[in-house]
Amino acid sequence: MPFFDLDKIREAAAQQNIKYKGLKVPRSIRNLNYTLEDVSACIISLTAADFQKTIEYPDKTIHDVYIKNVIREEQTDRIYMKLRFLNNREIEIVEIGSFHL
C-alpha cells in the first residue's frame, strides 16, 4: 500500500507542480526526450496497480515506487518512478526522486 495518496499526487501533476530532485532526474528525463508535459501525463496515468513498494531512507524521507508502461511514438517505455508528495504551504508538489527506464 502506498504511503502517499495517489489521487493527490495525480492532482499535483495535473497542475504541473513537479519538482525534480538532484541532478540525475532532469538528466534522465532529458535522455528519454520527455517534456514536463510528458512527465506530468505519465504521473497522471498512474494506477494503484503500478505501485511497487515504499522506500524509507535513513534521513526518514519516504518515496513510493511505481513502474508504468508508457506508450510513446510506437514504442513502450517501462518507467521507474520514485515519488514523494510535498505540501509546502498549500502548494502541493510531486517530487521525483527517480525517473528512468
PDB file of N, CA and C in Angstrom:
ATOM      1  N   MET A   1       0.842  -1.183   0.000  1.00  0.00           N
ATOM      2  CA  MET A   1       0.000   0.000   0.000  1.00  0.00           C
ATOM      3  C   MET A   1       0.890   1.250   0.000  1.00  0.00           C
ATOM      4  N   PRO A   2       0.632   2.194  -0.910  1.00  0.00           N
ATOM      5  CA  PRO A   2       1.460   3.408  -0.968  1.00  0.00           C
ATOM      6  C   PRO A   2       1.356   4.243   0.310  1.00  0.00           C
ATOM      7  N   PHE A   3       2.429   4.928   0.624  1.00  0.00           N
ATOM      8  CA  PHE A   3       2.443   5.839   1.771  1.00  0.00           C
ATOM      9  C   PHE A   3       1.678   7.122   1.436  1.00  0.00           C
ATOM     10  N   PHE A   4       1.848   7.611   0.190  1.00  0.00           N
ATOM     11  CA  PHE A   4       1.228   8.862  -0.230  1.00  0.00           C
ATOM     12  C   PHE A   4      -0.060   8.601  -0.996  1.00  0.00           C
ATOM     13  N   ASP A   5      -0.994   9.525  -0.888  1.00  0.00           N
ATOM     14  CA  ASP A   5      -2.284   9.433  -1.566  1.00  0.00           C
ATOM     15  C   ASP A   5      -2.078   9.655  -3.066  1.00  0.00           C
ATOM     16  N   LEU A   6      -2.332   8.623  -3.853  1.00  0.00           N
ATOM     17  CA  LEU A   6      -2.102   8.698  -5.295  1.00  0.00           C
ATOM     18  C   LEU A   6      -2.986   9.751  -5.953  1.00  0.00           C
ATOM     19  N   ASP A   7      -4.196   9.938  -5.466  1.00  0.00           N
ATOM     20  CA  ASP A   7      -5.065  10.976  -6.035  1.00  0.00           C
ATOM     21  C   ASP A   7      -4.440  12.361  -5.882  1.00  0.00           C
ATOM     22  N   LYS A   8      -3.848  12.633  -4.731  1.00  0.00           N
ATOM     23  CA  LYS A   8      -3.207  13.940  -4.514  1.00  0.00           C
ATOM     24  C   LYS A   8      -1.972  14.093  -5.394  1.00  0.00           C
ATOM     25  N   ILE A   9      -1.241  13.012  -5.583  1.00  0.00           N
ATOM     26  CA  ILE A   9      -0.072  13.052  -6.465  1.00  0.00           C
ATOM     27  C   ILE A   9      -0.514  13.364  -7.888  1.00  0.00           C
ATOM     28  N   ARG A  10      -1.566  12.692  -8.341  1.00  0.00           N
ATOM     29  CA  ARG A  10      -2.055  12.939  -9.707  1.00  0.00           C
ATOM     30  C   ARG A  10      -2.585  14.362  -9.862  1.00  0.00           C
ATOM     31  N   GLU A  11      -3.282  14.877  -8.838  1.00  0.00           N
ATOM     32  CA  GLU A  11      -3.795  16.254  -8.892  1.00  0.00           C
ATOM     33  C   GLU A  11      -2.652  17.255  -8.998  1.00  0.00           C
ATOM     34  N   ALA A  12      -1.608  17.077  -8.217  1.00  0.00           N
ATOM     35  CA  ALA A  12      -0.451  17.981  -8.276  1.00  0.00           C
ATOM     36  C   ALA A  12       0.226  17.890  -9.644  1.00  0.00           C
ATOM     37  N   ALA A  13       0.338  16.679 -10.178  1.00  0.00           N
ATOM     38  CA  ALA A  13       0.950  16.502 -11.500  1.00  0.00           C
ATOM     39  C   ALA A  13       0.104  17.156 -12.586  1.00  0.00           C
ATOM     40  N   ALA A  14      -1.215  17.107 -12.443  1.00  0.00           N
ATOM     41  CA  ALA A  14      -2.107  17.728 -13.427  1.00  0.00           C
ATOM     42  C   ALA A  14      -1.889  19.234 -13.489  1.00  0.00           C
ATOM     43  N   GLN A  15      -1.476  19.821 -12.377  1.00  0.00           N
ATOM     44  CA  GLN A  15      -1.183  21.254 -12.323  1.00  0.00           C
ATOM     45  C   GLN A  15       0.295  21.522 -12.610  1.00  0.00           C
ATOM     46  N   GLN A  16       1.020  20.479 -12.956  1.00  0.00           N
ATOM     47  CA  GLN A  16       2.457  20.530 -13.226  1.00  0.00           C
ATOM     48  C   GLN A  16       3.252  21.071 -12.043  1.00  0.00           C
ATOM     49  N   ASN A  17       2.780  20.782 -10.846  1.00  0.00           N
ATOM     50  CA  ASN A  17       3.526  21.099  -9.631  1.00  0.00           C
ATOM     51  C   ASN A  17       4.474  19.938  -9.365  1.00  0.00           C
ATOM     52  N   ILE A  18       5.573  19.930 -10.111  1.00  0.00           N
ATOM     53  CA  ILE A  18       6.524  18.825 -10.092  1.00  0.00           C
ATOM     54  C   ILE A  18       7.913  19.381  -9.828  1.00  0.00           C
ATOM     55  N   LYS A  19       8.616  18.732  -8.920  1.00  0.00           N
ATOM     56  CA  LYS A  19       9.978  19.136  -8.569  1.00  0.00           C
ATOM     57  C   LYS A  19      10.905  17.960  -8.846  1.00  0.00           C
ATOM     58  N   TYR A  20      11.993  18.213  -9.548  1.00  0.00           N
ATOM     59  CA  TYR A  20      12.978  17.173  -9.821  1.00  0.00           C
ATOM     60  C   TYR A  20      14.053  17.230  -8.744  1.00  0.00           C
ATOM     61  N   LYS A  21      14.292  16.114  -8.084  1.00  0.00           N
ATOM     62  CA  LYS A  21      15.280  16.071  -7.012  1.00  0.00           C
ATOM     63  C   LYS A  21      16.659  15.760  -7.580  1.00  0.00           C
ATOM     64  N   GLY A  22      17.628  16.557  -7.211  1.00  0.00           N
ATOM     65  CA  GLY A  22      19.008  16.305  -7.617  1.00  0.00           C
ATOM     66  C   GLY A  22      19.273  16.630  -9.078  1.00  0.00           C
ATOM     67  N   LEU A  23      20.425  16.185  -9.568  1.00  0.00           N
ATOM     68  CA  LEU A  23      20.837  16.443 -10.944  1.00  0.00           C
ATOM     69  C   LEU A  23      20.526  15.285 -11.876  1.00  0.00           C
ATOM     70  N   LYS A  24      20.451  14.087 -11.336  1.00  0.00           N
ATOM     71  CA  LYS A  24      20.271  12.896 -12.158  1.00  0.00           C
ATOM     72  C   LYS A  24      18.871  12.815 -12.773  1.00  0.00           C
ATOM     73  N   VAL A  25      17.861  13.226 -12.037  1.00  0.00           N
ATOM     74  CA  VAL A  25      16.482  13.113 -12.528  1.00  0.00           C
ATOM     75  C   VAL A  25      16.263  13.961 -13.786  1.00  0.00           C
ATOM     76  N   PRO A  26      16.609  15.260 -13.791  1.00  0.00           N
ATOM     77  CA  PRO A  26      16.411  16.023 -15.018  1.00  0.00           C
ATOM     78  C   PRO A  26      17.214  15.472 -16.196  1.00  0.00           C
ATOM     79  N   ARG A  27      18.408  14.956 -15.917  1.00  0.00           N
ATOM     80  CA  ARG A  27      19.239  14.372 -16.975  1.00  0.00           C
ATOM     81  C   ARG A  27      18.566  13.120 -17.542  1.00  0.00           C
ATOM     82  N   SER A  28      18.029  12.281 -16.672  1.00  0.00           N
ATOM     83  CA  SER A  28      17.334  11.070 -17.126  1.00  0.00           C
ATOM     84  C   SER A  28      16.120  11.421 -17.969  1.00  0.00           C
ATOM     85  N   ILE A  29      15.384  12.427 -17.546  1.00  0.00           N
ATOM     86  CA  ILE A  29      14.187  12.856 -18.278  1.00  0.00           C
ATOM     87  C   ILE A  29      14.577  13.405 -19.650  1.00  0.00           C
ATOM     88  N   ARG A  30      15.624  14.215 -19.704  1.00  0.00           N
ATOM     89  CA  ARG A  30      16.110  14.737 -20.992  1.00  0.00           C
ATOM     90  C   ARG A  30      16.569  13.605 -21.910  1.00  0.00           C
ATOM     91  N   ASN A  31      17.285  12.621 -21.344  1.00  0.00           N
ATOM     92  CA  ASN A  31      17.772  11.498 -22.139  1.00  0.00           C
ATOM     93  C   ASN A  31      16.631  10.682 -22.748  1.00  0.00           C
ATOM     94  N   LEU A  32      15.483  10.678 -22.090  1.00  0.00           N
ATOM     95  CA  LEU A  32      14.304   9.984 -22.615  1.00  0.00           C
ATOM     96  C   LEU A  32      13.526  10.846 -23.605  1.00  0.00           C
ATOM     97  N   ASN A  33      13.969  12.095 -23.781  1.00  0.00           N
ATOM     98  CA  ASN A  33      13.255  13.072 -24.614  1.00  0.00           C
ATOM     99  C   ASN A  33      11.835  13.322 -24.116  1.00  0.00           C
ATOM    100  N   TYR A  34      11.674  13.344 -22.799  1.00  0.00           N
ATOM    101  CA  TYR A  34      10.386  13.653 -22.191  1.00  0.00           C
ATOM    102  C   TYR A  34      10.349  15.143 -21.856  1.00  0.00           C
ATOM    103  N   THR A  35       9.189  15.731 -22.039  1.00  0.00           N
ATOM    104  CA  THR A  35       8.953  17.115 -21.624  1.00  0.00           C
ATOM    105  C   THR A  35       8.259  17.095 -20.266  1.00  0.00           C
ATOM    106  N   LEU A  36       8.088  18.268 -19.687  1.00  0.00           N
ATOM    107  CA  LEU A  36       7.332  18.357 -18.438  1.00  0.00           C
ATOM    108  C   LEU A  36       5.921  17.819 -18.647  1.00  0.00           C
ATOM    109  N   GLU A  37       5.347  18.088 -19.810  1.00  0.00           N
ATOM    110  CA  GLU A  37       4.001  17.593 -20.119  1.00  0.00           C
ATOM    111  C   GLU A  37       3.985  16.067 -20.173  1.00  0.00           C
ATOM    112  N   ASP A  38       5.033  15.470 -20.723  1.00  0.00           N
ATOM    113  CA  ASP A  38       5.138  14.007 -20.775  1.00  0.00           C
ATOM    114  C   ASP A  38       5.238  13.412 -19.369  1.00  0.00           C
ATOM    115  N   VAL A  39       6.081  14.020 -18.548  1.00  0.00           N
ATOM    116  CA  VAL A  39       6.254  13.549 -17.170  1.00  0.00           C
ATOM    117  C   VAL A  39       4.933  13.675 -16.421  1.00  0.00           C
ATOM    118  N   SER A  40       4.293  14.821 -16.564  1.00  0.00           N
ATOM    119  CA  SER A  40       3.006  15.051 -15.917  1.00  0.00           C
ATOM    120  C   SER A  40       1.980  14.007 -16.356  1.00  0.00           C
ATOM    121  N   ALA A  41       1.889  13.760 -17.661  1.00  0.00           N
ATOM    122  CA  ALA A  41       0.932  12.779 -18.185  1.00  0.00           C
ATOM    123  C   ALA A  41       1.230  11.379 -17.648  1.00  0.00           C
ATOM    124  N   CYS A  42       2.491  11.060 -17.531  1.00  0.00           N
ATOM    125  CA  CYS A  42       2.893   9.759 -17.011  1.00  0.00           C
ATOM    126  C   CYS A  42       2.420   9.592 -15.562  1.00  0.00           C
ATOM    127  N   ILE A  43       2.623  10.604 -14.759  1.00  0.00           N
ATOM    128  CA  ILE A  43       2.208  10.549 -13.354  1.00  0.00           C
ATOM    129  C   ILE A  43       0.682  10.518 -13.246  1.00  0.00           C
ATOM    130  N   ILE A  44       0.007  11.327 -14.045  1.00  0.00           N
ATOM    131  CA  ILE A  44      -1.457  11.359 -14.021  1.00  0.00           C
ATOM    132  C   ILE A  44      -2.038   9.986 -14.364  1.00  0.00           C
ATOM    133  N   SER A  45      -1.363   9.250 -15.239  1.00  0.00           N
ATOM    134  CA  SER A  45      -1.875   7.950 -15.688  1.00  0.00           C
ATOM    135  C   SER A  45      -1.604   6.808 -14.703  1.00  0.00           C
ATOM    136  N   LEU A  46      -0.891   7.079 -13.618  1.00  0.00           N
ATOM    137  CA  LEU A  46      -0.597   6.021 -12.653  1.00  0.00           C
ATOM    138  C   LEU A  46      -1.870   5.457 -12.033  1.00  0.00           C
ATOM    139  N   THR A  47      -1.852   4.159 -11.785  1.00  0.00           N
ATOM    140  CA  THR A  47      -2.940   3.494 -11.078  1.00  0.00           C
ATOM    141  C   THR A  47      -2.353   2.744  -9.887  1.00  0.00           C
ATOM    142  N   ALA A  48      -3.217   2.280  -9.020  1.00  0.00           N
ATOM    143  CA  ALA A  48      -2.773   1.508  -7.856  1.00  0.00           C
ATOM    144  C   ALA A  48      -2.002   0.259  -8.292  1.00  0.00           C
ATOM    145  N   ALA A  49      -2.353  -0.293  -9.443  1.00  0.00           N
ATOM    146  CA  ALA A  49      -1.674  -1.495  -9.939  1.00  0.00           C
ATOM    147  C   ALA A  49      -0.216  -1.224 -10.319  1.00  0.00           C
ATOM    148  N   ASP A  50       0.149   0.040 -10.560  1.00  0.00           N
ATOM    149  CA  ASP A  50       1.524   0.402 -10.911  1.00  0.00           C
ATOM    150  C   ASP A  50       2.432   0.505  -9.689  1.00  0.00           C
ATOM    151  N   PHE A  51       1.843   0.547  -8.504  1.00  0.00           N
ATOM    152  CA  PHE A  51       2.623   0.677  -7.264  1.00  0.00           C
ATOM    153  C   PHE A  51       3.464  -0.572  -7.037  1.00  0.00           C
ATOM    154  N   GLN A  52       4.726  -0.370  -6.639  1.00  0.00           N
ATOM    155  CA  GLN A  52       5.639  -1.479  -6.364  1.00  0.00           C
ATOM    156  C   GLN A  52       5.983  -1.608  -4.881  1.00  0.00           C
ATOM    157  N   LYS A  53       6.443  -0.490  -4.290  1.00  0.00           N
ATOM    158  CA  LYS A  53       6.862  -0.535  -2.892  1.00  0.00           C
ATOM    159  C   LYS A  53       7.068   0.873  -2.359  1.00  0.00           C
ATOM    160  N   THR A  54       7.210   0.974  -1.048  1.00  0.00           N
ATOM    161  CA  THR A  54       7.551   2.230  -0.387  1.00  0.00           C
ATOM    162  C   THR A  54       8.956   2.079   0.184  1.00  0.00           C
ATOM    163  N   ILE A  55       9.770   3.124  -0.010  1.00  0.00           N
ATOM    164  CA  ILE A  55      11.142   3.118   0.499  1.00  0.00           C
ATOM    165  C   ILE A  55      11.272   4.221   1.541  1.00  0.00           C
ATOM    166  N   GLU A  56      11.800   3.865   2.721  1.00  0.00           N
ATOM    167  CA  GLU A  56      12.123   4.865   3.738  1.00  0.00           C
ATOM    168  C   GLU A  56      13.638   4.894   3.894  1.00  0.00           C
ATOM    169  N   TYR A  57      14.205   6.091   3.757  1.00  0.00           N
ATOM    170  CA  TYR A  57      15.650   6.268   3.820  1.00  0.00           C
ATOM    171  C   TYR A  57      16.083   6.601   5.247  1.00  0.00           C
ATOM    172  N   PRO A  58      17.382   6.467   5.544  1.00  0.00           N
ATOM    173  CA  PRO A  58      17.867   6.753   6.903  1.00  0.00           C
ATOM    174  C   PRO A  58      17.518   8.161   7.396  1.00  0.00           C
ATOM    175  N   ASP A  59      17.418   9.132   6.462  1.00  0.00           N
ATOM    176  CA  ASP A  59      17.071  10.502   6.877  1.00  0.00           C
ATOM    177  C   ASP A  59      15.562  10.676   7.060  1.00  0.00           C
ATOM    178  N   LYS A  60      14.820   9.553   6.990  1.00  0.00           N
ATOM    179  CA  LYS A  60      13.365   9.493   7.213  1.00  0.00           C
ATOM    180  C   LYS A  60      12.534   9.996   6.033  1.00  0.00           C
ATOM    181  N   THR A  61      13.164  10.343   4.904  1.00  0.00           N
ATOM    182  CA  THR A  61      12.360  10.667   3.720  1.00  0.00           C
ATOM    183  C   THR A  61      11.770   9.378   3.177  1.00  0.00           C
ATOM    184  N   ILE A  62      10.585   9.499   2.621  1.00  0.00           N
ATOM    185  CA  ILE A  62       9.844   8.346   2.117  1.00  0.00           C
ATOM    186  C   ILE A  62       9.479   8.599   0.664  1.00  0.00           C
ATOM    187  N   HIS A  63       9.649   7.581  -0.162  1.00  0.00           N
ATOM    188  CA  HIS A  63       9.245   7.633  -1.567  1.00  0.00           C
ATOM    189  C   HIS A  63       8.422   6.395  -1.883  1.00  0.00           C
ATOM    190  N   ASP A  64       7.391   6.574  -2.684  1.00  0.00           N
ATOM    191  CA  ASP A  64       6.647   5.453  -3.232  1.00  0.00           C
ATOM    192  C   ASP A  64       7.209   5.162  -4.615  1.00  0.00           C
ATOM    193  N   VAL A  65       7.388   3.892  -4.922  1.00  0.00           N
ATOM    194  CA  VAL A  65       7.948   3.470  -6.199  1.00  0.00           C
ATOM    195  C   VAL A  65       6.838   2.931  -7.092  1.00  0.00           C
ATOM    196  N   TYR A  66       6.807   3.443  -8.314  1.00  0.00           N
ATOM    197  CA  TYR A  66       5.849   2.994  -9.324  1.00  0.00           C
ATOM    198  C   TYR A  66       6.611   2.600 -10.577  1.00  0.00           C
ATOM    199  N   ILE A  67       6.095   1.622 -11.281  1.00  0.00           N
ATOM    200  CA  ILE A  67       6.608   1.274 -12.602  1.00  0.00           C
ATOM    201  C   ILE A  67       5.424   1.329 -13.557  1.00  0.00           C
ATOM    202  N   LYS A  68       5.589   2.119 -14.615  1.00  0.00           N
ATOM    203  CA  LYS A  68       4.498   2.367 -15.561  1.00  0.00           C
ATOM    204  C   LYS A  68       4.981   2.111 -16.980  1.00  0.00           C
ATOM    205  N   ASN A  69       4.202   1.353 -17.738  1.00  0.00           N
ATOM    206  CA  ASN A  69       4.462   1.193 -19.163  1.00  0.00           C
ATOM    207  C   ASN A  69       3.814   2.360 -19.888  1.00  0.00           C
ATOM    208  N   VAL A  70       4.630   3.147 -20.569  1.00  0.00           N
ATOM    209  CA  VAL A  70       4.168   4.342 -21.270  1.00  0.00           C
ATOM    210  C   VAL A  70       4.416   4.140 -22.760  1.00  0.00           C
ATOM    211  N   ILE A  71       3.356   4.244 -23.544  1.00  0.00           N
ATOM    212  CA  ILE A  71       3.487   4.086 -24.997  1.00  0.00           C
ATOM    213  C   ILE A  71       3.707   5.468 -25.607  1.00  0.00           C
ATOM    214  N   ARG A  72       4.839   5.589 -26.306  1.00  0.00           N
ATOM    215  CA  ARG A  72       5.201   6.849 -26.966  1.00  0.00           C
ATOM    216  C   ARG A  72       5.824   6.533 -28.312  1.00  0.00           C
ATOM    217  N   GLU A  73       5.348   7.204 -29.324  1.00  0.00           N
ATOM    218  CA  GLU A  73       5.971   7.109 -30.648  1.00  0.00           C
ATOM    219  C   GLU A  73       6.251   5.660 -31.047  1.00  0.00           C
ATOM    220  N   GLU A  74       5.232   4.836 -30.979  1.00  0.00           N
ATOM    221  CA  GLU A  74       5.297   3.438 -31.413  1.00  0.00           C
ATOM    222  C   GLU A  74       6.259   2.575 -30.605  1.00  0.00           C
ATOM    223  N   GLN A  75       6.618   3.011 -29.419  1.00  0.00           N
ATOM    224  CA  GLN A  75       7.441   2.177 -28.542  1.00  0.00           C
ATOM    225  C   GLN A  75       6.878   2.266 -27.135  1.00  0.00           C
ATOM    226  N   THR A  76       7.208   1.296 -26.323  1.00  0.00           N
ATOM    227  CA  THR A  76       6.764   1.289 -24.926  1.00  0.00           C
ATOM    228  C   THR A  76       7.964   1.517 -24.025  1.00  0.00           C
ATOM    229  N   ASP A  77       7.873   2.547 -23.192  1.00  0.00           N
ATOM    230  CA  ASP A  77       8.892   2.817 -22.187  1.00  0.00           C
ATOM    231  C   ASP A  77       8.372   2.282 -20.849  1.00  0.00           C
ATOM    232  N   ARG A  78       9.176   1.476 -20.191  1.00  0.00           N
ATOM    233  CA  ARG A  78       8.826   0.984 -18.855  1.00  0.00           C
ATOM    234  C   ARG A  78       9.534   1.917 -17.868  1.00  0.00           C
ATOM    235  N   ILE A  79       8.778   2.854 -17.312  1.00  0.00           N
ATOM    236  CA  ILE A  79       9.357   3.923 -16.497  1.00  0.00           C
ATOM    237  C   ILE A  79       9.297   3.571 -15.008  1.00  0.00           C
ATOM    238  N   TYR A  80      10.447   3.706 -14.351  1.00  0.00           N
ATOM    239  CA  TYR A  80      10.584   3.522 -12.910  1.00  0.00           C
ATOM    240  C   TYR A  80      10.550   4.915 -12.285  1.00  0.00           C
ATOM    241  N   MET A  81       9.627   5.130 -11.364  1.00  0.00           N
ATOM    242  CA  MET A  81       9.494   6.437 -10.707  1.00  0.00           C
ATOM    243  C   MET A  81       9.495   6.287  -9.196  1.00  0.00           C
ATOM    244  N   LYS A  82      10.271   7.124  -8.537  1.00  0.00           N
ATOM    245  CA  LYS A  82      10.185   7.263  -7.081  1.00  0.00           C
ATOM    246  C   LYS A  82       9.553   8.622  -6.835  1.00  0.00           C
ATOM    247  N   LEU A  83       8.400   8.619  -6.186  1.00  0.00           N
ATOM    248  CA  LEU A  83       7.648   9.857  -5.998  1.00  0.00           C
ATOM    249  C   LEU A  83       7.434  10.138  -4.519  1.00  0.00           C
ATOM    250  N   ARG A  84       7.413  11.417  -4.213  1.00  0.00           N
ATOM    251  CA  ARG A  84       7.136  11.871  -2.855  1.00  0.00           C
ATOM    252  C   ARG A  84       6.199  13.049  -2.969  1.00  0.00           C
ATOM    253  N   PHE A  85       5.189  13.101  -2.109  1.00  0.00           N
ATOM    254  CA  PHE A  85       4.229  14.199  -2.127  1.00  0.00           C
ATOM    255  C   PHE A  85       4.607  15.205  -1.050  1.00  0.00           C
ATOM    256  N   LEU A  86       4.773  16.459  -1.456  1.00  0.00           N
ATOM    257  CA  LEU A  86       5.122  17.532  -0.529  1.00  0.00           C
ATOM    258  C   LEU A  86       3.972  18.517  -0.466  1.00  0.00           C
ATOM    259  N   ASN A  87       3.648  18.988   0.707  1.00  0.00           N
ATOM    260  CA  ASN A  87       2.636  20.024   0.854  1.00  0.00           C
ATOM    261  C   ASN A  87       3.320  21.212   1.511  1.00  0.00           C
ATOM    262  N   ASN A  88       3.776  22.123   0.673  1.00  0.00           N
ATOM    263  CA  ASN A  88       4.511  23.296   1.152  1.00  0.00           C
ATOM    264  C   ASN A  88       3.603  24.518   1.143  1.00  0.00           C
ATOM    265  N   ARG A  89       3.041  24.813   2.313  1.00  0.00           N
ATOM    266  CA  ARG A  89       2.179  25.998   2.454  1.00  0.00           C
ATOM    267  C   ARG A  89       1.135  26.077   1.347  1.00  0.00           C
ATOM    268  N   GLU A  90       0.374  25.035   1.228  1.00  0.00           N
ATOM    269  CA  GLU A  90      -0.741  24.941   0.308  1.00  0.00           C
ATOM    270  C   GLU A  90      -0.331  24.770  -1.160  1.00  0.00           C
ATOM    271  N   ILE A  91       0.948  24.674  -1.434  1.00  0.00           N
ATOM    272  CA  ILE A  91       1.392  24.341  -2.789  1.00  0.00           C
ATOM    273  C   ILE A  91       1.738  22.861  -2.758  1.00  0.00           C
ATOM    274  N   GLU A  92       0.964  22.083  -3.463  1.00  0.00           N
ATOM    275  CA  GLU A  92       1.180  20.648  -3.452  1.00  0.00           C
ATOM    276  C   GLU A  92       2.096  20.273  -4.608  1.00  0.00           C
ATOM    277  N   ILE A  93       3.159  19.582  -4.282  1.00  0.00           N
ATOM    278  CA  ILE A  93       4.209  19.288  -5.258  1.00  0.00           C
ATOM    279  C   ILE A  93       4.508  17.788  -5.237  1.00  0.00           C
ATOM    280  N   VAL A  94       4.693  17.235  -6.411  1.00  0.00           N
ATOM    281  CA  VAL A  94       5.204  15.873  -6.525  1.00  0.00           C
ATOM    282  C   VAL A  94       6.709  15.988  -6.733  1.00  0.00           C
ATOM    283  N   GLU A  95       7.470  15.383  -5.847  1.00  0.00           N
ATOM    284  CA  GLU A  95       8.926  15.365  -6.008  1.00  0.00           C
ATOM    285  C   GLU A  95       9.320  14.032  -6.633  1.00  0.00           C
ATOM    286  N   ILE A  96      10.072  14.090  -7.711  1.00  0.00           N
ATOM    287  CA  ILE A  96      10.525  12.887  -8.389  1.00  0.00           C
ATOM    288  C   ILE A  96      11.947  12.586  -7.953  1.00  0.00           C
ATOM    289  N   GLY A  97      12.140  11.436  -7.324  1.00  0.00           N
ATOM    290  CA  GLY A  97      13.467  11.010  -6.892  1.00  0.00           C
ATOM    291  C   GLY A  97      14.174  10.186  -7.956  1.00  0.00           C
ATOM    292  N   SER A  98      13.424   9.524  -8.814  1.00  0.00           N
ATOM    293  CA  SER A  98      13.967   8.754  -9.941  1.00  0.00           C
ATOM    294  C   SER A  98      12.937   8.743 -11.050  1.00  0.00           C
ATOM    295  N   PHE A  99      13.426   8.729 -12.298  1.00  0.00           N
ATOM    296  CA  PHE A  99      12.549   8.646 -13.458  1.00  0.00           C
ATOM    297  C   PHE A  99      13.398   8.121 -14.596  1.00  0.00           C
ATOM    298  N   HIS A 100      13.353   6.825 -14.817  1.00  0.00           N
ATOM    299  CA  HIS A 100      14.200   6.235 -15.846  1.00  0.00           C
ATOM    300  C   HIS A 100      13.642   4.903 -16.302  1.00  0.00           C
ATOM    301  N   LEU A 101      14.258   4.337 -17.335  1.00  0.00           N
ATOM    302  CA  LEU A 101      13.865   3.027 -17.840  1.00  0.00           C
ATOM    303  C   LEU A 101      14.368   1.961 -16.896  1.00  0.00           C
TER     304      LEU A 101
END
